[in-house]
Amino acid sequence: MYIGQAAQRSGTTIKSIRHYEAIGLMPPARRQGNYRVYDQQSVDRLGIIKCAQQLGFKLKELQGIFAGQTGQPLSWADAQQAITDKKREINAQIAALTQRHAQLVEFEESLQNACEHCPLEPK
């Protein structure tokens, strides 16, 4: 299939596919004349890239995951490790945001207590 059909099937854009090839996330496409030709394995890989991006993976991270995998299917062990690392990162972000939220609640309470007689009117 040509690049337009690969983009449509994978939910990406032609521009994205060209970019992924340029940065090494996708192996160079087979050529038929002036046209790039993709197989189902390429479409599957594009789908994985798109899904991973939607889950918070950056292209640089994906380059590390796919390093040495050009043209090969991603190994389950590599994928599982990347997912574990991303979950750990997200859990750290959740903890930091939870702490920040608690600090905001505490700050709000201290302002309310300090400003009981000040000119600020609570909303």
PDB file of N, CA and C in Angstrom:
ATOM      1  N   MET A   1       0.845  -1.180   0.000  1.00  0.00           N
ATOM      2  CA  MET A   1       0.000   0.000   0.000  1.00  0.00           C
ATOM      3  C   MET A   1       0.884   1.235   0.000  1.00  0.00           C
ATOM      4  N   TYR A   2       0.367   2.317  -0.544  1.00  0.00           N
ATOM      5  CA  TYR A   2       1.118   3.555  -0.610  1.00  0.00           C
ATOM      6  C   TYR A   2       0.995   4.321   0.707  1.00  0.00           C
ATOM      7  N   ILE A   3       1.774   5.396   0.824  1.00  0.00           N
ATOM      8  CA  ILE A   3       1.881   6.130   2.082  1.00  0.00           C
ATOM      9  C   ILE A   3       0.536   6.693   2.554  1.00  0.00           C
ATOM     10  N   GLY A   4      -0.290   7.153   1.633  1.00  0.00           N
ATOM     11  CA  GLY A   4      -1.588   7.700   2.021  1.00  0.00           C
ATOM     12  C   GLY A   4      -2.477   6.662   2.684  1.00  0.00           C
ATOM     13  N   GLN A   5      -2.485   5.474   2.112  1.00  0.00           N
ATOM     14  CA  GLN A   5      -3.297   4.400   2.686  1.00  0.00           C
ATOM     15  C   GLN A   5      -2.711   3.929   4.021  1.00  0.00           C
ATOM     16  N   ALA A   6      -1.398   3.873   4.128  1.00  0.00           N
ATOM     17  CA  ALA A   6      -0.757   3.498   5.396  1.00  0.00           C
ATOM     18  C   ALA A   6      -1.087   4.526   6.473  1.00  0.00           C
ATOM     19  N   ALA A   7      -1.078   5.794   6.109  1.00  0.00           N
ATOM     20  CA  ALA A   7      -1.425   6.856   7.060  1.00  0.00           C
ATOM     21  C   ALA A   7      -2.866   6.707   7.513  1.00  0.00           C
ATOM     22  N   GLN A   8      -3.754   6.475   6.573  1.00  0.00           N
ATOM     23  CA  GLN A   8      -5.173   6.338   6.894  1.00  0.00           C
ATOM     24  C   GLN A   8      -5.418   5.126   7.797  1.00  0.00           C
ATOM     25  N   ARG A   9      -4.832   3.995   7.469  1.00  0.00           N
ATOM     26  CA  ARG A   9      -5.039   2.773   8.259  1.00  0.00           C
ATOM     27  C   ARG A   9      -4.458   2.868   9.659  1.00  0.00           C
ATOM     28  N   SER A  10      -3.365   3.606   9.797  1.00  0.00           N
ATOM     29  CA  SER A  10      -2.706   3.699  11.104  1.00  0.00           C
ATOM     30  C   SER A  10      -3.185   4.890  11.933  1.00  0.00           C
ATOM     31  N   GLY A  11      -3.952   5.783  11.310  1.00  0.00           N
ATOM     32  CA  GLY A  11      -4.435   6.963  12.028  1.00  0.00           C
ATOM     33  C   GLY A  11      -3.396   8.050  12.180  1.00  0.00           C
ATOM     34  N   THR A  12      -2.350   8.009  11.345  1.00  0.00           N
ATOM     35  CA  THR A  12      -1.317   9.039  11.381  1.00  0.00           C
ATOM     36  C   THR A  12      -1.446   9.892  10.127  1.00  0.00           C
ATOM     37  N   THR A  13      -0.464  10.733   9.924  1.00  0.00           N
ATOM     38  CA  THR A  13      -0.458  11.563   8.715  1.00  0.00           C
ATOM     39  C   THR A  13       0.743  11.184   7.853  1.00  0.00           C
ATOM     40  N   ILE A  14       0.668  11.553   6.614  1.00  0.00           N
ATOM     41  CA  ILE A  14       1.782  11.317   5.691  1.00  0.00           C
ATOM     42  C   ILE A  14       3.025  12.030   6.206  1.00  0.00           C
ATOM     43  N   LYS A  15       2.848  13.256   6.670  1.00  0.00           N
ATOM     44  CA  LYS A  15       3.963  14.042   7.193  1.00  0.00           C
ATOM     45  C   LYS A  15       4.613  13.323   8.383  1.00  0.00           C
ATOM     46  N   SER A  16       3.791  12.753   9.263  1.00  0.00           N
ATOM     47  CA  SER A  16       4.322  12.031  10.422  1.00  0.00           C
ATOM     48  C   SER A  16       5.121  10.811   9.989  1.00  0.00           C
ATOM     49  N   ILE A  17       4.609  10.072   9.036  1.00  0.00           N
ATOM     50  CA  ILE A  17       5.310   8.876   8.557  1.00  0.00           C
ATOM     51  C   ILE A  17       6.682   9.262   8.005  1.00  0.00           C
ATOM     52  N   ARG A  18       6.720  10.307   7.211  1.00  0.00           N
ATOM     53  CA  ARG A  18       8.006  10.764   6.665  1.00  0.00           C
ATOM     54  C   ARG A  18       8.954  11.174   7.789  1.00  0.00           C
ATOM     55  N   HIS A  19       8.411  11.842   8.804  1.00  0.00           N
ATOM     56  CA  HIS A  19       9.230  12.263   9.946  1.00  0.00           C
ATOM     57  C   HIS A  19       9.754  11.046  10.706  1.00  0.00           C
ATOM     58  N   TYR A  20       8.898  10.061  10.940  1.00  0.00           N
ATOM     59  CA  TYR A  20       9.321   8.845  11.652  1.00  0.00           C
ATOM     60  C   TYR A  20      10.443   8.139  10.888  1.00  0.00           C
ATOM     61  N   GLU A  21      10.353   8.129   9.580  1.00  0.00           N
ATOM     62  CA  GLU A  21      11.424   7.534   8.778  1.00  0.00           C
ATOM     63  C   GLU A  21      12.705   8.343   8.919  1.00  0.00           C
ATOM     64  N   ALA A  22      12.582   9.667   8.905  1.00  0.00           N
ATOM     65  CA  ALA A  22      13.756  10.543   8.985  1.00  0.00           C
ATOM     66  C   ALA A  22      14.495  10.388  10.315  1.00  0.00           C
ATOM     67  N   ILE A  23      13.753  10.132  11.408  1.00  0.00           N
ATOM     68  CA  ILE A  23      14.408  10.030  12.719  1.00  0.00           C
ATOM     69  C   ILE A  23      14.685   8.579  13.115  1.00  0.00           C
ATOM     70  N   GLY A  24      14.370   7.645  12.225  1.00  0.00           N
ATOM     71  CA  GLY A  24      14.725   6.251  12.464  1.00  0.00           C
ATOM     72  C   GLY A  24      13.703   5.422  13.219  1.00  0.00           C
ATOM     73  N   LEU A  25      12.510   5.971  13.471  1.00  0.00           N
ATOM     74  CA  LEU A  25      11.471   5.168  14.122  1.00  0.00           C
ATOM     75  C   LEU A  25      10.865   4.143  13.170  1.00  0.00           C
ATOM     76  N   MET A  26      10.877   4.476  11.907  1.00  0.00           N
ATOM     77  CA  MET A  26      10.382   3.577  10.862  1.00  0.00           C
ATOM     78  C   MET A  26      11.527   3.270   9.914  1.00  0.00           C
ATOM     79  N   PRO A  27      11.612   2.025   9.481  1.00  0.00           N
ATOM     80  CA  PRO A  27      12.627   1.727   8.468  1.00  0.00           C
ATOM     81  C   PRO A  27      12.247   2.412   7.155  1.00  0.00           C
ATOM     82  N   PRO A  28      13.230   2.710   6.318  1.00  0.00           N
ATOM     83  CA  PRO A  28      12.885   3.312   5.023  1.00  0.00           C
ATOM     84  C   PRO A  28      11.929   2.393   4.259  1.00  0.00           C
ATOM     85  N   ALA A  29      10.943   3.009   3.671  1.00  0.00           N
ATOM     86  CA  ALA A  29       9.942   2.230   2.939  1.00  0.00           C
ATOM     87  C   ALA A  29      10.534   1.665   1.655  1.00  0.00           C
ATOM     88  N   ARG A  30      10.000   0.530   1.271  1.00  0.00           N
ATOM     89  CA  ARG A  30      10.348  -0.055  -0.025  1.00  0.00           C
ATOM     90  C   ARG A  30       9.813   0.901  -1.092  1.00  0.00           C
ATOM     91  N   ARG A  31      10.501   0.990  -2.187  1.00  0.00           N
ATOM     92  CA  ARG A  31      10.083   1.906  -3.258  1.00  0.00           C
ATOM     93  C   ARG A  31       9.554   1.140  -4.451  1.00  0.00           C
ATOM     94  N   GLN A  32       8.530   1.707  -5.027  1.00  0.00           N
ATOM     95  CA  GLN A  32       7.989   1.212  -6.294  1.00  0.00           C
ATOM     96  C   GLN A  32       7.933   2.440  -7.198  1.00  0.00           C
ATOM     97  N   GLY A  33       8.982   2.596  -7.979  1.00  0.00           N
ATOM     98  CA  GLY A  33       9.118   3.834  -8.756  1.00  0.00           C
ATOM     99  C   GLY A  33       9.410   4.965  -7.780  1.00  0.00           C
ATOM    100  N   ASN A  34       8.616   6.030  -7.860  1.00  0.00           N
ATOM    101  CA  ASN A  34       8.777   7.169  -6.963  1.00  0.00           C
ATOM    102  C   ASN A  34       7.920   7.046  -5.694  1.00  0.00           C
ATOM    103  N   TYR A  35       7.207   5.958  -5.555  1.00  0.00           N
ATOM    104  CA  TYR A  35       6.256   5.816  -4.459  1.00  0.00           C
ATOM    105  C   TYR A  35       6.803   4.936  -3.339  1.00  0.00           C
ATOM    106  N   ARG A  36       6.502   5.338  -2.107  1.00  0.00           N
ATOM    107  CA  ARG A  36       6.818   4.507  -0.948  1.00  0.00           C
ATOM    108  C   ARG A  36       5.733   3.452  -0.825  1.00  0.00           C
ATOM    109  N   VAL A  37       6.156   2.232  -0.522  1.00  0.00           N
ATOM    110  CA  VAL A  37       5.206   1.126  -0.384  1.00  0.00           C
ATOM    111  C   VAL A  37       5.374   0.531   1.019  1.00  0.00           C
ATOM    112  N   TYR A  38       4.251   0.337   1.703  1.00  0.00           N
ATOM    113  CA  TYR A  38       4.254  -0.147   3.077  1.00  0.00           C
ATOM    114  C   TYR A  38       3.492  -1.460   3.175  1.00  0.00           C
ATOM    115  N   ASP A  39       3.920  -2.296   4.112  1.00  0.00           N
ATOM    116  CA  ASP A  39       3.220  -3.552   4.362  1.00  0.00           C
ATOM    117  C   ASP A  39       2.453  -3.443   5.682  1.00  0.00           C
ATOM    118  N   GLN A  40       1.749  -4.510   6.044  1.00  0.00           N
ATOM    119  CA  GLN A  40       0.941  -4.492   7.263  1.00  0.00           C
ATOM    120  C   GLN A  40       1.807  -4.323   8.507  1.00  0.00           C
ATOM    121  N   GLN A  41       3.015  -4.870   8.495  1.00  0.00           N
ATOM    122  CA  GLN A  41       3.924  -4.720   9.639  1.00  0.00           C
ATOM    123  C   GLN A  41       4.248  -3.241   9.870  1.00  0.00           C
ATOM    124  N   SER A  42       4.425  -2.492   8.793  1.00  0.00           N
ATOM    125  CA  SER A  42       4.685  -1.052   8.911  1.00  0.00           C
ATOM    126  C   SER A  42       3.482  -0.330   9.500  1.00  0.00           C
ATOM    127  N   VAL A  43       2.290  -0.685   9.040  1.00  0.00           N
ATOM    128  CA  VAL A  43       1.067  -0.078   9.566  1.00  0.00           C
ATOM    129  C   VAL A  43       0.925  -0.393  11.057  1.00  0.00           C
ATOM    130  N   ASP A  44       1.234  -1.624  11.441  1.00  0.00           N
ATOM    131  CA  ASP A  44       1.169  -2.009  12.851  1.00  0.00           C
ATOM    132  C   ASP A  44       2.146  -1.180  13.680  1.00  0.00           C
ATOM    133  N   ARG A  45       3.338  -0.999  13.163  1.00  0.00           N
ATOM    134  CA  ARG A  45       4.358  -0.219  13.872  1.00  0.00           C
ATOM    135  C   ARG A  45       3.907   1.232  14.002  1.00  0.00           C
ATOM    136  N   LEU A  46       3.321   1.782  12.944  1.00  0.00           N
ATOM    137  CA  LEU A  46       2.791   3.148  13.010  1.00  0.00           C
ATOM    138  C   LEU A  46       1.708   3.252  14.077  1.00  0.00           C
ATOM    139  N   GLY A  47       0.862   2.228  14.170  1.00  0.00           N
ATOM    140  CA  GLY A  47      -0.185   2.206  15.189  1.00  0.00           C
ATOM    141  C   GLY A  47       0.396   2.186  16.593  1.00  0.00           C
ATOM    142  N   ILE A  48       1.463   1.425  16.777  1.00  0.00           N
ATOM    143  CA  ILE A  48       2.132   1.367  18.087  1.00  0.00           C
ATOM    144  C   ILE A  48       2.713   2.735  18.440  1.00  0.00           C
ATOM    145  N   ILE A  49       3.341   3.382  17.472  1.00  0.00           N
ATOM    146  CA  ILE A  49       3.924   4.705  17.701  1.00  0.00           C
ATOM    147  C   ILE A  49       2.838   5.692  18.095  1.00  0.00           C
ATOM    148  N   LYS A  50       1.740   5.698  17.355  1.00  0.00           N
ATOM    149  CA  LYS A  50       0.641   6.623  17.642  1.00  0.00           C
ATOM    150  C   LYS A  50       0.056   6.366  19.023  1.00  0.00           C
ATOM    151  N   CYS A  51      -0.191   5.117  19.347  1.00  0.00           N
ATOM    152  CA  CYS A  51      -0.751   4.756  20.648  1.00  0.00           C
ATOM    153  C   CYS A  51       0.205   5.173  21.770  1.00  0.00           C
ATOM    154  N   ALA A  52       1.481   4.895  21.598  1.00  0.00           N
ATOM    155  CA  ALA A  52       2.477   5.245  22.611  1.00  0.00           C
ATOM    156  C   ALA A  52       2.523   6.757  22.834  1.00  0.00           C
ATOM    157  N   GLN A  53       2.426   7.519  21.759  1.00  0.00           N
ATOM    158  CA  GLN A  53       2.417   8.978  21.894  1.00  0.00           C
ATOM    159  C   GLN A  53       1.185   9.433  22.678  1.00  0.00           C
ATOM    160  N   GLN A  54       0.048   8.835  22.405  1.00  0.00           N
ATOM    161  CA  GLN A  54      -1.176   9.209  23.110  1.00  0.00           C
ATOM    162  C   GLN A  54      -1.088   8.863  24.593  1.00  0.00           C
ATOM    163  N   LEU A  55      -0.247   7.899  24.939  1.00  0.00           N
ATOM    164  CA  LEU A  55      -0.067   7.489  26.330  1.00  0.00           C
ATOM    165  C   LEU A  55       1.068   8.250  27.013  1.00  0.00           C
ATOM    166  N   GLY A  56       1.648   9.222  26.312  1.00  0.00           N
ATOM    167  CA  GLY A  56       2.630  10.092  26.933  1.00  0.00           C
ATOM    168  C   GLY A  56       4.076   9.850  26.560  1.00  0.00           C
ATOM    169  N   PHE A  57       4.341   8.889  25.680  1.00  0.00           N
ATOM    170  CA  PHE A  57       5.712   8.660  25.254  1.00  0.00           C
ATOM    171  C   PHE A  57       6.124   9.751  24.276  1.00  0.00           C
ATOM    172  N   LYS A  58       7.318  10.253  24.453  1.00  0.00           N
ATOM    173  CA  LYS A  58       7.869  11.233  23.522  1.00  0.00           C
ATOM    174  C   LYS A  58       8.629  10.485  22.423  1.00  0.00           C
ATOM    175  N   LEU A  59       8.782  11.126  21.277  1.00  0.00           N
ATOM    176  CA  LEU A  59       9.478  10.471  20.161  1.00  0.00           C
ATOM    177  C   LEU A  59      10.894  10.067  20.547  1.00  0.00           C
ATOM    178  N   LYS A  60      11.571  10.875  21.358  1.00  0.00           N
ATOM    179  CA  LYS A  60      12.921  10.529  21.808  1.00  0.00           C
ATOM    180  C   LYS A  60      12.898   9.226  22.598  1.00  0.00           C
ATOM    181  N   GLU A  61      11.891   9.053  23.447  1.00  0.00           N
ATOM    182  CA  GLU A  61      11.769   7.812  24.214  1.00  0.00           C
ATOM    183  C   GLU A  61      11.534   6.635  23.278  1.00  0.00           C
ATOM    184  N   LEU A  62      10.684   6.846  22.294  1.00  0.00           N
ATOM    185  CA  LEU A  62      10.386   5.782  21.339  1.00  0.00           C
ATOM    186  C   LEU A  62      11.616   5.422  20.518  1.00  0.00           C
ATOM    187  N   GLN A  63      12.444   6.410  20.218  1.00  0.00           N
ATOM    188  CA  GLN A  63      13.687   6.110  19.501  1.00  0.00           C
ATOM    189  C   GLN A  63      14.546   5.158  20.326  1.00  0.00           C
ATOM    190  N   GLY A  64      14.607   5.390  21.633  1.00  0.00           N
ATOM    191  CA  GLY A  64      15.369   4.504  22.503  1.00  0.00           C
ATOM    192  C   GLY A  64      14.777   3.110  22.556  1.00  0.00           C
ATOM    193  N   ILE A  65      13.459   3.031  22.593  1.00  0.00           N
ATOM    194  CA  ILE A  65      12.777   1.737  22.644  1.00  0.00           C
ATOM    195  C   ILE A  65      13.003   0.970  21.343  1.00  0.00           C
ATOM    196  N   PHE A  66      12.911   1.682  20.215  1.00  0.00           N
ATOM    197  CA  PHE A  66      13.034   1.040  18.910  1.00  0.00           C
ATOM    198  C   PHE A  66      14.475   0.920  18.429  1.00  0.00           C
ATOM    199  N   ALA A  67      15.439   1.438  19.197  1.00  0.00           N
ATOM    200  CA  ALA A  67      16.842   1.389  18.767  1.00  0.00           C
ATOM    201  C   ALA A  67      17.232  -0.049  18.468  1.00  0.00           C
ATOM    202  N   GLY A  68      17.783  -0.254  17.310  1.00  0.00           N
ATOM    203  CA  GLY A  68      18.192  -1.598  16.908  1.00  0.00           C
ATOM    204  C   GLY A  68      17.039  -2.462  16.431  1.00  0.00           C
ATOM    205  N   GLN A  69      15.831  -1.905  16.401  1.00  0.00           N
ATOM    206  CA  GLN A  69      14.650  -2.673  16.019  1.00  0.00           C
ATOM    207  C   GLN A  69      14.185  -2.343  14.606  1.00  0.00           C
ATOM    208  N   THR A  70      14.900  -1.505  13.891  1.00  0.00           N
ATOM    209  CA  THR A  70      14.465  -1.079  12.567  1.00  0.00           C
ATOM    210  C   THR A  70      14.135  -2.287  11.699  1.00  0.00           C
ATOM    211  N   GLY A  71      12.916  -2.327  11.259  1.00  0.00           N
ATOM    212  CA  GLY A  71      12.470  -3.415  10.395  1.00  0.00           C
ATOM    213  C   GLY A  71      12.085  -4.675  11.154  1.00  0.00           C
ATOM    214  N   GLN A  72      12.284  -4.657  12.459  1.00  0.00           N
ATOM    215  CA  GLN A  72      11.970  -5.832  13.276  1.00  0.00           C
ATOM    216  C   GLN A  72      10.782  -5.525  14.172  1.00  0.00           C
ATOM    217  N   PRO A  73      10.032  -6.533  14.552  1.00  0.00           N
ATOM    218  CA  PRO A  73       8.959  -6.287  15.512  1.00  0.00           C
ATOM    219  C   PRO A  73       9.550  -5.943  16.879  1.00  0.00           C
ATOM    220  N   LEU A  74       8.869  -5.102  17.613  1.00  0.00           N
ATOM    221  CA  LEU A  74       9.302  -4.724  18.950  1.00  0.00           C
ATOM    222  C   LEU A  74       9.185  -5.930  19.864  1.00  0.00           C
ATOM    223  N   SER A  75      10.219  -6.177  20.664  1.00  0.00           N
ATOM    224  CA  SER A  75      10.164  -7.324  21.565  1.00  0.00           C
ATOM    225  C   SER A  75       9.249  -6.998  22.744  1.00  0.00           C
ATOM    226  N   TRP A  76       8.572  -8.002  23.241  1.00  0.00           N
ATOM    227  CA  TRP A  76       7.664  -7.814  24.369  1.00  0.00           C
ATOM    228  C   TRP A  76       8.433  -7.332  25.586  1.00  0.00           C
ATOM    229  N   ALA A  77       9.634  -7.853  25.823  1.00  0.00           N
ATOM    230  CA  ALA A  77      10.428  -7.450  26.989  1.00  0.00           C
ATOM    231  C   ALA A  77      10.756  -5.956  26.933  1.00  0.00           C
ATOM    232  N   ASP A  78      11.133  -5.459  25.763  1.00  0.00           N
ATOM    233  CA  ASP A  78      11.425  -4.028  25.612  1.00  0.00           C
ATOM    234  C   ASP A  78      10.176  -3.184  25.833  1.00  0.00           C
ATOM    235  N   ALA A  79       9.074  -3.618  25.256  1.00  0.00           N
ATOM    236  CA  ALA A  79       7.817  -2.883  25.421  1.00  0.00           C
ATOM    237  C   ALA A  79       7.385  -2.877  26.881  1.00  0.00           C
ATOM    238  N   GLN A  80       7.473  -4.024  27.529  1.00  0.00           N
ATOM    239  CA  GLN A  80       7.059  -4.131  28.929  1.00  0.00           C
ATOM    240  C   GLN A  80       7.923  -3.241  29.827  1.00  0.00           C
ATOM    241  N   GLN A  81       9.220  -3.205  29.569  1.00  0.00           N
ATOM    242  CA  GLN A  81      10.112  -2.356  30.369  1.00  0.00           C
ATOM    243  C   GLN A  81       9.784  -0.879  30.163  1.00  0.00           C
ATOM    244  N   ALA A  82       9.523  -0.484  28.919  1.00  0.00           N
ATOM    245  CA  ALA A  82       9.179   0.906  28.625  1.00  0.00           C
ATOM    246  C   ALA A  82       7.866   1.295  29.302  1.00  0.00           C
ATOM    247  N   ILE A  83       6.903   0.391  29.298  1.00  0.00           N
ATOM    248  CA  ILE A  83       5.611   0.659  29.946  1.00  0.00           C
ATOM    249  C   ILE A  83       5.797   0.774  31.455  1.00  0.00           C
ATOM    250  N   THR A  84       6.581  -0.111  32.034  1.00  0.00           N
ATOM    251  CA  THR A  84       6.853  -0.058  33.475  1.00  0.00           C
ATOM    252  C   THR A  84       7.519   1.267  33.844  1.00  0.00           C
ATOM    253  N   ASP A  85       8.492   1.678  33.051  1.00  0.00           N
ATOM    254  CA  ASP A  85       9.178   2.944  33.307  1.00  0.00           C
ATOM    255  C   ASP A  85       8.209   4.123  33.198  1.00  0.00           C
ATOM    256  N   LYS A  86       7.343   4.104  32.204  1.00  0.00           N
ATOM    257  CA  LYS A  86       6.387   5.201  32.016  1.00  0.00           C
ATOM    258  C   LYS A  86       5.380   5.237  33.161  1.00  0.00           C
ATOM    259  N   LYS A  87       4.928   4.069  33.622  1.00  0.00           N
ATOM    260  CA  LYS A  87       3.997   4.030  34.767  1.00  0.00           C
ATOM    261  C   LYS A  87       4.672   4.592  36.019  1.00  0.00           C
ATOM    262  N   ARG A  88       5.935   4.267  36.217  1.00  0.00           N
ATOM    263  CA  ARG A  88       6.681   4.780  37.365  1.00  0.00           C
ATOM    264  C   ARG A  88       6.779   6.309  37.280  1.00  0.00           C
ATOM    265  N   GLU A  89       7.059   6.813  36.096  1.00  0.00           N
ATOM    266  CA  GLU A  89       7.153   8.260  35.881  1.00  0.00           C
ATOM    267  C   GLU A  89       5.815   8.944  36.173  1.00  0.00           C
ATOM    268  N   ILE A  90       4.734   8.351  35.693  1.00  0.00           N
ATOM    269  CA  ILE A  90       3.399   8.928  35.913  1.00  0.00           C
ATOM    270  C   ILE A  90       3.034   8.887  37.390  1.00  0.00           C
ATOM    271  N   ASN A  91       3.368   7.786  38.078  1.00  0.00           N
ATOM    272  CA  ASN A  91       3.096   7.707  39.511  1.00  0.00           C
ATOM    273  C   ASN A  91       3.849   8.794  40.278  1.00  0.00           C
ATOM    274  N   ALA A  92       5.077   9.091  39.883  1.00  0.00           N
ATOM    275  CA  ALA A  92       5.842  10.166  40.518  1.00  0.00           C
ATOM    276  C   ALA A  92       5.168  11.520  40.264  1.00  0.00           C
ATOM    277  N   GLN A  93       4.662  11.715  39.059  1.00  0.00           N
ATOM    278  CA  GLN A  93       3.957  12.965  38.738  1.00  0.00           C
ATOM    279  C   GLN A  93       2.680  13.080  39.558  1.00  0.00           C
ATOM    280  N   ILE A  94       1.959  11.975  39.711  1.00  0.00           N
ATOM    281  CA  ILE A  94       0.732  11.980  40.513  1.00  0.00           C
ATOM    282  C   ILE A  94       1.058  12.342  41.959  1.00  0.00           C
ATOM    283  N   ALA A  95       2.114  11.751  42.507  1.00  0.00           N
ATOM    284  CA  ALA A  95       2.511  12.040  43.882  1.00  0.00           C
ATOM    285  C   ALA A  95       2.876  13.517  44.036  1.00  0.00           C
ATOM    286  N   ALA A  96       3.615  14.058  43.077  1.00  0.00           N
ATOM    287  CA  ALA A  96       4.008  15.464  43.142  1.00  0.00           C
ATOM    288  C   ALA A  96       2.783  16.377  43.041  1.00  0.00           C
ATOM    289  N   LEU A  97       1.853  16.036  42.166  1.00  0.00           N
ATOM    290  CA  LEU A  97       0.634  16.852  42.023  1.00  0.00           C
ATOM    291  C   LEU A  97      -0.257  16.741  43.254  1.00  0.00           C
ATOM    292  N   THR A  98      -0.322  15.568  43.848  1.00  0.00           N
ATOM    293  CA  THR A  98      -1.108  15.383  45.063  1.00  0.00           C
ATOM    294  C   THR A  98      -0.526  16.235  46.184  1.00  0.00           C
ATOM    295  N   GLN A  99       0.793  16.246  46.283  1.00  0.00           N
ATOM    296  CA  GLN A  99       1.460  17.064  47.300  1.00  0.00           C
ATOM    297  C   GLN A  99       1.201  18.545  47.043  1.00  0.00           C
ATOM    298  N   ARG A 100       1.300  18.960  45.788  1.00  0.00           N
ATOM    299  CA  ARG A 100       1.045  20.364  45.444  1.00  0.00           C
ATOM    300  C   ARG A 100      -0.398  20.744  45.768  1.00  0.00           C
ATOM    301  N   HIS A 101      -1.328  19.845  45.499  1.00  0.00           N
ATOM    302  CA  HIS A 101      -2.736  20.098  45.816  1.00  0.00           C
ATOM    303  C   HIS A 101      -2.917  20.293  47.316  1.00  0.00           C
ATOM    304  N   ALA A 102      -2.311  19.417  48.106  1.00  0.00           N
ATOM    305  CA  ALA A 102      -2.407  19.534  49.569  1.00  0.00           C
ATOM    306  C   ALA A 102      -1.814  20.860  50.037  1.00  0.00           C
ATOM    307  N   GLN A 103      -0.717  21.282  49.443  1.00  0.00           N
ATOM    308  CA  GLN A 103      -0.101  22.561  49.798  1.00  0.00           C
ATOM    309  C   GLN A 103      -1.016  23.732  49.446  1.00  0.00           C
ATOM    310  N   LEU A 104      -1.716  23.625  48.321  1.00  0.00           N
ATOM    311  CA  LEU A 104      -2.652  24.681  47.931  1.00  0.00           C
ATOM    312  C   LEU A 104      -3.824  24.760  48.914  1.00  0.00           C
ATOM    313  N   VAL A 105      -4.323  23.613  49.333  1.00  0.00           N
ATOM    314  CA  VAL A 105      -5.415  23.590  50.314  1.00  0.00           C
ATOM    315  C   VAL A 105      -4.944  24.229  51.614  1.00  0.00           C
ATOM    316  N   GLU A 106      -3.740  23.873  52.047  1.00  0.00           N
ATOM    317  CA  GLU A 106      -3.174  24.438  53.277  1.00  0.00           C
ATOM    318  C   GLU A 106      -2.969  25.951  53.143  1.00  0.00           C
ATOM    319  N   PHE A 107      -2.463  26.370  51.984  1.00  0.00           N
ATOM    320  CA  PHE A 107      -2.255  27.795  51.729  1.00  0.00           C
ATOM    321  C   PHE A 107      -3.585  28.546  51.743  1.00  0.00           C
ATOM    322  N   GLU A 108      -4.580  27.965  51.110  1.00  0.00           N
ATOM    323  CA  GLU A 108      -5.911  28.584  51.080  1.00  0.00           C
ATOM    324  C   GLU A 108      -6.457  28.746  52.491  1.00  0.00           C
ATOM    325  N   GLU A 109      -6.310  27.723  53.324  1.00  0.00           N
ATOM    326  CA  GLU A 109      -6.804  27.779  54.706  1.00  0.00           C
ATOM    327  C   GLU A 109      -6.052  28.837  55.510  1.00  0.00           C
ATOM    328  N   SER A 110      -4.741  28.916  55.293  1.00  0.00           N
ATOM    329  CA  SER A 110      -3.963  29.915  56.041  1.00  0.00           C
ATOM    330  C   SER A 110      -4.343  31.328  55.611  1.00  0.00           C
ATOM    331  N   LEU A 111      -4.629  31.529  54.346  1.00  0.00           N
ATOM    332  CA  LEU A 111      -5.086  32.844  53.881  1.00  0.00           C
ATOM    333  C   LEU A 111      -6.437  33.193  54.470  1.00  0.00           C
ATOM    334  N   GLN A 112      -7.340  32.223  54.509  1.00  0.00           N
ATOM    335  CA  GLN A 112      -8.663  32.467  55.075  1.00  0.00           C
ATOM    336  C   GLN A 112      -8.555  32.833  56.551  1.00  0.00           C
ATOM    337  N   ASN A 113      -7.689  32.126  57.285  1.00  0.00           N
ATOM    338  CA  ASN A 113      -7.508  32.408  58.708  1.00  0.00           C
ATOM    339  C   ASN A 113      -6.841  33.757  58.924  1.00  0.00           C
ATOM    340  N   ALA A 114      -5.850  34.077  58.114  1.00  0.00           N
ATOM    341  CA  ALA A 114      -5.116  35.334  58.276  1.00  0.00           C
ATOM    342  C   ALA A 114      -5.936  36.529  57.840  1.00  0.00           C
ATOM    343  N   CYS A 115      -6.842  36.305  56.940  1.00  0.00           N
ATOM    344  CA  CYS A 115      -7.597  37.432  56.363  1.00  0.00           C
ATOM    345  C   CYS A 115      -9.017  37.537  56.913  1.00  0.00           C
ATOM    346  N   GLU A 116      -9.278  36.967  58.071  1.00  0.00           N
ATOM    347  CA  GLU A 116     -10.642  37.058  58.624  1.00  0.00           C
ATOM    348  C   GLU A 116     -11.057  38.517  58.828  1.00  0.00           C
ATOM    349  N   HIS A 117     -10.064  39.357  59.161  1.00  0.00           N
ATOM    350  CA  HIS A 117     -10.381  40.774  59.427  1.00  0.00           C
ATOM    351  C   HIS A 117      -9.709  41.697  58.431  1.00  0.00           C
ATOM    352  N   CYS A 118      -9.152  41.152  57.358  1.00  0.00           N
ATOM    353  CA  CYS A 118      -8.493  42.013  56.387  1.00  0.00           C
ATOM    354  C   CYS A 118      -9.501  42.440  55.320  1.00  0.00           C
ATOM    355  N   PRO A 119      -9.137  43.411  54.495  1.00  0.00           N
ATOM    356  CA  PRO A 119     -10.077  43.950  53.507  1.00  0.00           C
ATOM    357  C   PRO A 119     -10.410  42.995  52.356  1.00  0.00           C
ATOM    358  N   LEU A 120      -9.717  41.877  52.242  1.00  0.00           N
ATOM    359  CA  LEU A 120     -10.028  40.939  51.156  1.00  0.00           C
ATOM    360  C   LEU A 120     -11.350  40.248  51.449  1.00  0.00           C
ATOM    361  N   GLU A 121     -12.186  40.200  50.461  1.00  0.00           N
ATOM    362  CA  GLU A 121     -13.464  39.507  50.637  1.00  0.00           C
ATOM    363  C   GLU A 121     -13.379  38.135  50.019  1.00  0.00           C
ATOM    364  N   PRO A 122     -13.745  37.086  50.794  1.00  0.00           N
ATOM    365  CA  PRO A 122     -13.737  35.744  50.186  1.00  0.00           C
ATOM    366  C   PRO A 122     -14.788  35.643  49.095  1.00  0.00           C
ATOM    367  N   LYS A 123     -14.498  34.899  48.122  1.00  0.00           N
ATOM    368  CA  LYS A 123     -15.425  34.728  46.978  1.00  0.00           C
ATOM    369  C   LYS A 123     -16.377  33.606  47.269  1.00  0.00           C
TER     370      LYS A 123
END
